[in-house]
Amino acid sequence: TLRLYLPLRSLVNRTLLQYNNKTVIAKQTSVQINSRFAIKQIMDQHAIPAIAIFTLLFLIVASYWMQVLERPYNEDLQKYLDALWLVWITMTTVGYGDSFPVTSLGR
């Protein structure tokens, strides 16, 4: 089985090892050390790559769900790349109008 919490747990452990001085301060000030703490530390140290990775992951997941939701009703979104194009154009607010979601969930 695929355990989805393992990547998050490894992220927390990596962050705790990499930013040891911040974890000491966090323990002294009663700050909870969890995945939220790890994400904040990564955003603090590597903001631009982290935002790029999160945006890319969102683009991939949103494209998948757009294709799943729209494929039965929209002939323009039969391929994954078409859904990827639609999500990218929507995210950048260009909106060429060449394809658009039909269902209310897709919108």
N, C-alpha and C. Protein backbone atom coordinates (compact mmCIF):
# COMPACT_ATOMS: atom_id res chain seq x y z
N THR A 1 0.84 -1.19 0.00
CA THR A 1 0.00 0.00 0.00
C THR A 1 0.88 1.25 0.00
N LEU A 2 0.34 2.26 -0.59
CA LEU A 2 1.06 3.53 -0.65
C LEU A 2 0.72 4.33 0.60
N ARG A 3 1.73 4.70 1.31
CA ARG A 3 1.52 5.47 2.53
C ARG A 3 1.86 6.92 2.25
N LEU A 4 0.84 7.73 2.24
CA LEU A 4 1.02 9.12 1.85
C LEU A 4 1.70 9.97 2.91
N TYR A 5 1.71 9.50 4.14
CA TYR A 5 2.31 10.30 5.18
C TYR A 5 3.83 10.14 5.23
N LEU A 6 4.40 9.15 4.56
CA LEU A 6 5.84 8.93 4.61
C LEU A 6 6.64 10.08 3.99
N PRO A 7 6.25 10.63 2.83
CA PRO A 7 7.02 11.78 2.33
C PRO A 7 6.97 12.98 3.27
N LEU A 8 5.82 13.20 3.89
CA LEU A 8 5.70 14.32 4.82
C LEU A 8 6.55 14.09 6.06
N ARG A 9 6.55 12.85 6.55
CA ARG A 9 7.36 12.53 7.72
C ARG A 9 8.85 12.68 7.41
N SER A 10 9.27 12.25 6.22
CA SER A 10 10.68 12.39 5.87
C SER A 10 11.04 13.86 5.70
N LEU A 11 10.10 14.67 5.22
CA LEU A 11 10.32 16.12 5.12
C LEU A 11 10.53 16.73 6.50
N VAL A 12 9.70 16.32 7.45
CA VAL A 12 9.84 16.83 8.82
C VAL A 12 11.18 16.41 9.40
N ASN A 13 11.54 15.14 9.25
CA ASN A 13 12.80 14.66 9.80
C ASN A 13 14.00 15.35 9.16
N ARG A 14 13.95 15.55 7.86
CA ARG A 14 15.05 16.23 7.16
C ARG A 14 15.17 17.67 7.65
N THR A 15 14.04 18.31 7.83
CA THR A 15 14.06 19.70 8.30
C THR A 15 14.60 19.79 9.72
N LEU A 16 14.21 18.84 10.56
CA LEU A 16 14.69 18.87 11.94
C LEU A 16 16.19 18.67 11.99
N LEU A 17 16.73 17.80 11.14
CA LEU A 17 18.17 17.58 11.14
C LEU A 17 18.91 18.76 10.53
N GLN A 18 18.33 19.38 9.51
CA GLN A 18 19.00 20.46 8.80
C GLN A 18 18.99 21.77 9.59
N TYR A 19 17.95 22.02 10.33
CA TYR A 19 17.81 23.27 11.06
C TYR A 19 17.77 23.00 12.56
N ASN A 20 18.85 22.46 13.06
CA ASN A 20 18.88 22.03 14.46
C ASN A 20 18.78 23.22 15.41
N ASN A 21 19.42 24.34 15.08
CA ASN A 21 19.36 25.49 15.99
C ASN A 21 17.94 26.03 16.11
N LYS A 22 17.17 25.97 15.04
CA LYS A 22 15.79 26.44 15.11
C LYS A 22 14.91 25.49 15.91
N THR A 23 15.22 24.21 15.87
CA THR A 23 14.43 23.27 16.67
C THR A 23 14.70 23.46 18.15
N VAL A 24 15.92 23.81 18.50
CA VAL A 24 16.23 24.08 19.91
C VAL A 24 15.44 25.29 20.38
N ILE A 25 15.43 26.33 19.58
CA ILE A 25 14.67 27.53 19.94
C ILE A 25 13.18 27.22 19.98
N ALA A 26 12.70 26.39 19.06
CA ALA A 26 11.28 26.03 19.04
C ALA A 26 10.90 25.26 20.30
N LYS A 27 11.76 24.37 20.75
CA LYS A 27 11.46 23.63 21.97
C LYS A 27 11.49 24.53 23.20
N GLN A 28 12.38 25.51 23.21
CA GLN A 28 12.46 26.42 24.35
C GLN A 28 11.25 27.35 24.42
N THR A 29 10.66 27.65 23.28
CA THR A 29 9.52 28.57 23.25
C THR A 29 8.18 27.85 23.11
N SER A 30 8.18 26.55 23.26
CA SER A 30 6.98 25.71 23.22
C SER A 30 6.26 25.77 21.86
N VAL A 31 7.03 25.85 20.80
CA VAL A 31 6.46 25.81 19.45
C VAL A 31 6.39 24.36 19.03
N GLN A 32 5.27 23.95 18.45
CA GLN A 32 5.11 22.57 18.01
C GLN A 32 5.96 22.32 16.77
N ILE A 33 6.71 21.23 16.81
CA ILE A 33 7.54 20.86 15.66
C ILE A 33 6.77 19.79 14.89
N ASN A 34 6.18 20.20 13.79
CA ASN A 34 5.39 19.29 12.97
C ASN A 34 5.62 19.63 11.49
N SER A 35 4.76 19.13 10.63
CA SER A 35 4.93 19.38 9.20
C SER A 35 4.78 20.86 8.86
N ARG A 36 3.94 21.55 9.57
CA ARG A 36 3.77 22.98 9.34
C ARG A 36 5.07 23.73 9.65
N PHE A 37 5.72 23.35 10.72
CA PHE A 37 7.01 23.93 11.08
C PHE A 37 8.04 23.64 9.99
N ALA A 38 8.04 22.42 9.46
CA ALA A 38 8.99 22.04 8.42
C ALA A 38 8.76 22.85 7.15
N ILE A 39 7.51 23.04 6.76
CA ILE A 39 7.21 23.81 5.56
C ILE A 39 7.62 25.27 5.74
N LYS A 40 7.41 25.81 6.92
CA LYS A 40 7.82 27.19 7.18
C LYS A 40 9.33 27.34 7.09
N GLN A 41 10.07 26.35 7.59
CA GLN A 41 11.52 26.41 7.53
C GLN A 41 12.02 26.32 6.10
N ILE A 42 11.41 25.46 5.31
CA ILE A 42 11.81 25.33 3.91
C ILE A 42 11.49 26.62 3.16
N MET A 43 10.33 27.20 3.42
CA MET A 43 9.97 28.46 2.78
C MET A 43 10.90 29.59 3.22
N ASP A 44 11.39 29.53 4.45
CA ASP A 44 12.30 30.55 4.95
C ASP A 44 13.66 30.45 4.26
N GLN A 45 14.16 29.24 4.05
CA GLN A 45 15.49 29.04 3.50
C GLN A 45 15.52 29.01 1.97
N HIS A 46 14.49 28.43 1.36
CA HIS A 46 14.47 28.21 -0.10
C HIS A 46 13.11 28.62 -0.66
N ALA A 47 12.80 29.88 -0.62
CA ALA A 47 11.45 30.33 -0.97
C ALA A 47 11.12 30.10 -2.45
N ILE A 48 11.97 30.53 -3.35
CA ILE A 48 11.65 30.45 -4.78
C ILE A 48 11.56 29.01 -5.27
N PRO A 49 12.53 28.13 -4.96
CA PRO A 49 12.36 26.73 -5.39
C PRO A 49 11.14 26.05 -4.75
N ALA A 50 10.85 26.38 -3.50
CA ALA A 50 9.69 25.77 -2.83
C ALA A 50 8.39 26.20 -3.49
N ILE A 51 8.28 27.47 -3.82
CA ILE A 51 7.06 27.96 -4.48
C ILE A 51 6.93 27.33 -5.86
N ALA A 52 8.05 27.19 -6.57
CA ALA A 52 8.02 26.57 -7.89
C ALA A 52 7.59 25.11 -7.80
N ILE A 53 8.08 24.39 -6.82
CA ILE A 53 7.70 22.98 -6.65
C ILE A 53 6.24 22.85 -6.26
N PHE A 54 5.77 23.68 -5.34
CA PHE A 54 4.37 23.63 -4.93
C PHE A 54 3.45 23.98 -6.10
N THR A 55 3.84 24.96 -6.91
CA THR A 55 3.04 25.34 -8.07
C THR A 55 2.99 24.21 -9.09
N LEU A 56 4.13 23.58 -9.33
CA LEU A 56 4.17 22.46 -10.26
C LEU A 56 3.32 21.29 -9.78
N LEU A 57 3.41 20.98 -8.48
CA LEU A 57 2.58 19.90 -7.93
C LEU A 57 1.09 20.23 -8.05
N PHE A 58 0.74 21.48 -7.76
CA PHE A 58 -0.66 21.88 -7.88
C PHE A 58 -1.12 21.76 -9.32
N LEU A 59 -0.28 22.15 -10.26
CA LEU A 59 -0.61 22.08 -11.68
C LEU A 59 -0.86 20.64 -12.10
N ILE A 60 -0.02 19.73 -11.65
CA ILE A 60 -0.16 18.32 -12.01
C ILE A 60 -1.43 17.73 -11.42
N VAL A 61 -1.68 17.98 -10.14
CA VAL A 61 -2.85 17.41 -9.48
C VAL A 61 -4.15 18.03 -10.03
N ALA A 62 -4.15 19.34 -10.22
CA ALA A 62 -5.35 19.99 -10.76
C ALA A 62 -5.65 19.52 -12.18
N SER A 63 -4.61 19.29 -12.97
CA SER A 63 -4.82 18.79 -14.34
C SER A 63 -5.40 17.39 -14.33
N TYR A 64 -4.92 16.57 -13.43
CA TYR A 64 -5.46 15.21 -13.32
C TYR A 64 -6.95 15.25 -12.98
N TRP A 65 -7.30 16.05 -11.97
CA TRP A 65 -8.70 16.10 -11.56
C TRP A 65 -9.58 16.77 -12.61
N MET A 66 -9.02 17.73 -13.33
CA MET A 66 -9.79 18.36 -14.41
C MET A 66 -10.11 17.33 -15.48
N GLN A 67 -9.14 16.50 -15.81
CA GLN A 67 -9.39 15.48 -16.82
C GLN A 67 -10.39 14.44 -16.33
N VAL A 68 -10.27 14.03 -15.08
CA VAL A 68 -11.19 13.04 -14.52
C VAL A 68 -12.62 13.58 -14.50
N LEU A 69 -12.79 14.82 -14.12
CA LEU A 69 -14.13 15.39 -14.00
C LEU A 69 -14.74 15.75 -15.35
N GLU A 70 -13.92 16.17 -16.29
CA GLU A 70 -14.45 16.69 -17.54
C GLU A 70 -14.46 15.69 -18.69
N ARG A 71 -13.70 14.62 -18.62
CA ARG A 71 -13.58 13.69 -19.75
C ARG A 71 -14.91 13.15 -20.25
N PRO A 72 -15.85 12.75 -19.37
CA PRO A 72 -17.12 12.22 -19.90
C PRO A 72 -17.99 13.26 -20.60
N TYR A 73 -17.79 14.53 -20.30
CA TYR A 73 -18.70 15.56 -20.80
C TYR A 73 -18.07 16.52 -21.82
N ASN A 74 -16.76 16.59 -21.86
CA ASN A 74 -16.08 17.57 -22.69
C ASN A 74 -15.16 16.86 -23.68
N GLU A 75 -15.44 17.01 -24.96
CA GLU A 75 -14.63 16.34 -25.98
C GLU A 75 -13.25 16.97 -26.13
N ASP A 76 -13.07 18.19 -25.69
CA ASP A 76 -11.78 18.86 -25.81
C ASP A 76 -10.75 18.36 -24.81
N LEU A 77 -11.17 17.68 -23.76
CA LEU A 77 -10.25 17.27 -22.70
C LEU A 77 -10.08 15.75 -22.64
N GLN A 78 -9.85 15.11 -23.76
CA GLN A 78 -9.68 13.66 -23.77
C GLN A 78 -8.24 13.26 -23.42
N LYS A 79 -7.28 14.15 -23.59
CA LYS A 79 -5.88 13.87 -23.28
C LYS A 79 -5.47 14.65 -22.04
N TYR A 80 -4.47 14.10 -21.35
CA TYR A 80 -3.98 14.76 -20.15
C TYR A 80 -3.34 16.10 -20.48
N LEU A 81 -2.64 16.18 -21.59
CA LEU A 81 -1.99 17.44 -21.97
C LEU A 81 -3.00 18.54 -22.25
N ASP A 82 -4.18 18.17 -22.74
CA ASP A 82 -5.23 19.18 -22.93
C ASP A 82 -5.71 19.73 -21.60
N ALA A 83 -5.85 18.85 -20.62
CA ALA A 83 -6.24 19.30 -19.28
C ALA A 83 -5.13 20.13 -18.65
N LEU A 84 -3.89 19.74 -18.87
CA LEU A 84 -2.75 20.50 -18.36
C LEU A 84 -2.73 21.90 -18.97
N TRP A 85 -3.00 21.97 -20.27
CA TRP A 85 -3.06 23.27 -20.95
C TRP A 85 -4.18 24.14 -20.37
N LEU A 86 -5.33 23.54 -20.16
CA LEU A 86 -6.46 24.30 -19.62
C LEU A 86 -6.16 24.83 -18.23
N VAL A 87 -5.59 24.01 -17.38
CA VAL A 87 -5.28 24.46 -16.02
C VAL A 87 -4.20 25.53 -16.04
N TRP A 88 -3.18 25.36 -16.89
CA TRP A 88 -2.12 26.36 -16.97
C TRP A 88 -2.67 27.71 -17.46
N ILE A 89 -3.49 27.68 -18.47
CA ILE A 89 -4.06 28.92 -18.99
C ILE A 89 -4.97 29.57 -17.95
N THR A 90 -5.68 28.75 -17.19
CA THR A 90 -6.55 29.29 -16.14
C THR A 90 -5.72 29.88 -15.00
N MET A 91 -4.64 29.19 -14.62
CA MET A 91 -3.79 29.69 -13.53
C MET A 91 -3.11 31.00 -13.89
N THR A 92 -2.73 31.15 -15.14
CA THR A 92 -2.06 32.39 -15.55
C THR A 92 -3.06 33.47 -15.96
N THR A 93 -4.32 33.19 -15.86
CA THR A 93 -5.44 34.10 -16.16
C THR A 93 -5.40 34.65 -17.58
N VAL A 94 -4.87 33.85 -18.52
CA VAL A 94 -4.87 34.27 -19.92
C VAL A 94 -6.23 33.99 -20.54
N GLY A 95 -6.68 32.73 -20.44
CA GLY A 95 -8.00 32.36 -20.92
C GLY A 95 -8.20 32.57 -22.40
N TYR A 96 -7.51 31.80 -23.23
CA TYR A 96 -7.65 31.94 -24.68
C TYR A 96 -9.05 31.62 -25.18
N GLY A 97 -9.77 30.74 -24.49
CA GLY A 97 -11.11 30.39 -24.91
C GLY A 97 -11.16 29.21 -25.85
N ASP A 98 -10.00 28.58 -26.12
CA ASP A 98 -9.99 27.44 -27.02
C ASP A 98 -10.59 26.19 -26.36
N SER A 99 -10.48 26.10 -25.06
CA SER A 99 -11.14 25.02 -24.32
C SER A 99 -11.58 25.58 -22.97
N PHE A 100 -12.64 25.02 -22.45
CA PHE A 100 -13.18 25.51 -21.18
C PHE A 100 -13.95 24.37 -20.52
N PRO A 101 -14.02 24.36 -19.18
CA PRO A 101 -14.76 23.32 -18.48
C PRO A 101 -16.26 23.46 -18.72
N VAL A 102 -16.93 22.32 -18.75
CA VAL A 102 -18.36 22.29 -19.02
C VAL A 102 -19.15 22.03 -17.73
N THR A 103 -18.66 21.14 -16.90
CA THR A 103 -19.39 20.79 -15.68
C THR A 103 -19.17 21.83 -14.58
N SER A 104 -20.03 21.82 -13.60
CA SER A 104 -19.87 22.78 -12.49
C SER A 104 -18.68 22.41 -11.63
N LEU A 105 -18.35 21.13 -11.49
CA LEU A 105 -17.16 20.74 -10.74
C LEU A 105 -15.89 21.16 -11.45
N GLY A 106 -15.90 21.09 -12.76
CA GLY A 106 -14.74 21.52 -13.53
C GLY A 106 -14.51 23.01 -13.47
N ARG A 107 -15.57 23.76 -13.31
CA ARG A 107 -15.42 25.22 -13.24
C ARG A 107 -14.92 25.61 -11.88
